[in-house]
Amino acid sequence: MLSIVFFLLSIIPSVLLCVLLKRRHREDLFYKKTCNITFVVGLLCVLPIVAVSGTLYILNFVLKLTVFKGIPVLVYQAIYNFIVLALAEEVVKYVSFRLIIKKRNAAYSWADIVAVMVILGAAFGLSEDIPYAVGADAITMLVRGFTMGHVSYGFLMGWFYGKSLSSGKKRFKVIAVILPWLLHGVYDFSLSPDLIAWNDNLVIISLLMALIDVALVVLTIIFFVRSRKKERYNTSLTEGPKEPAASTV
């Protein structure tokens, strides 16, 4: 019973953030519906991620037995964390985000784009927390719940994607995937038992990454507070649906 209480406490920050982001445009029903759809997609992202991760895991295992035979444990663990886990999750989230923006065609602003990606990341983080909560102690659940790593990576992905549309420079779309992927990979690798066993002083890396996640969550909140007063974050970056041309007689 106590574990359920701590789990519910751990998901409050992510759920609260999603609710607040949904209420940014209180009168815009299309935006609110988009937020709802994004939240559901984020929860369901775990399914394609499992498929992609499973495929990459099998490939990684085959390579370990052939090309990478005799590879050091830490190198194999790094490949597993960066490719099988982090890359699969960030790529699937990015593709899901792009599909939402494309299918839910509208005049999205920079802040709208960040909001959609943050909600997607928060929802996926919630679905990921469920299996992690099984057998986990209260401290672990609360740390995961309040550091909100997927919210942090979602903020970076959305911000740089918006930066790309605002500046017209495609390199920011590349950064939108690479930066969250690297941070995610480092965080997962820093928690590897093999790394800690090799040198227990390296536990400082996981603590540092947790602090970075918290700092990014704070930056996310600051961004949405300040963006309300900055025109460049509220100017439409996408065209939205085109009105049918007027018929001529």
Foldseek 3Di string as FASTA:
>chain_A
DVLVVLLVVLLVVLVVLLVVLLCPPVPDPLLNVLSVVLLVCLLVLVVQLCVQLVVVVVVLVVCCVPVVPPPDPLVSLLCSLLPSPLLSSLVSLLVSLVVSCVVSFAQAFLLSQLSSLLSSLSSNLSNVLVVVSVVDDSVVSNLSSQLSLSSLLSNLLSNLVNVCLLVVPCVSNVVSRVVSSVLSSQLSSLPDPVVCVVPVVSVVSNVVSSVVSNVSVVVNVVCVVVLVVDVNRVGGSGDGDDDDDDDDD
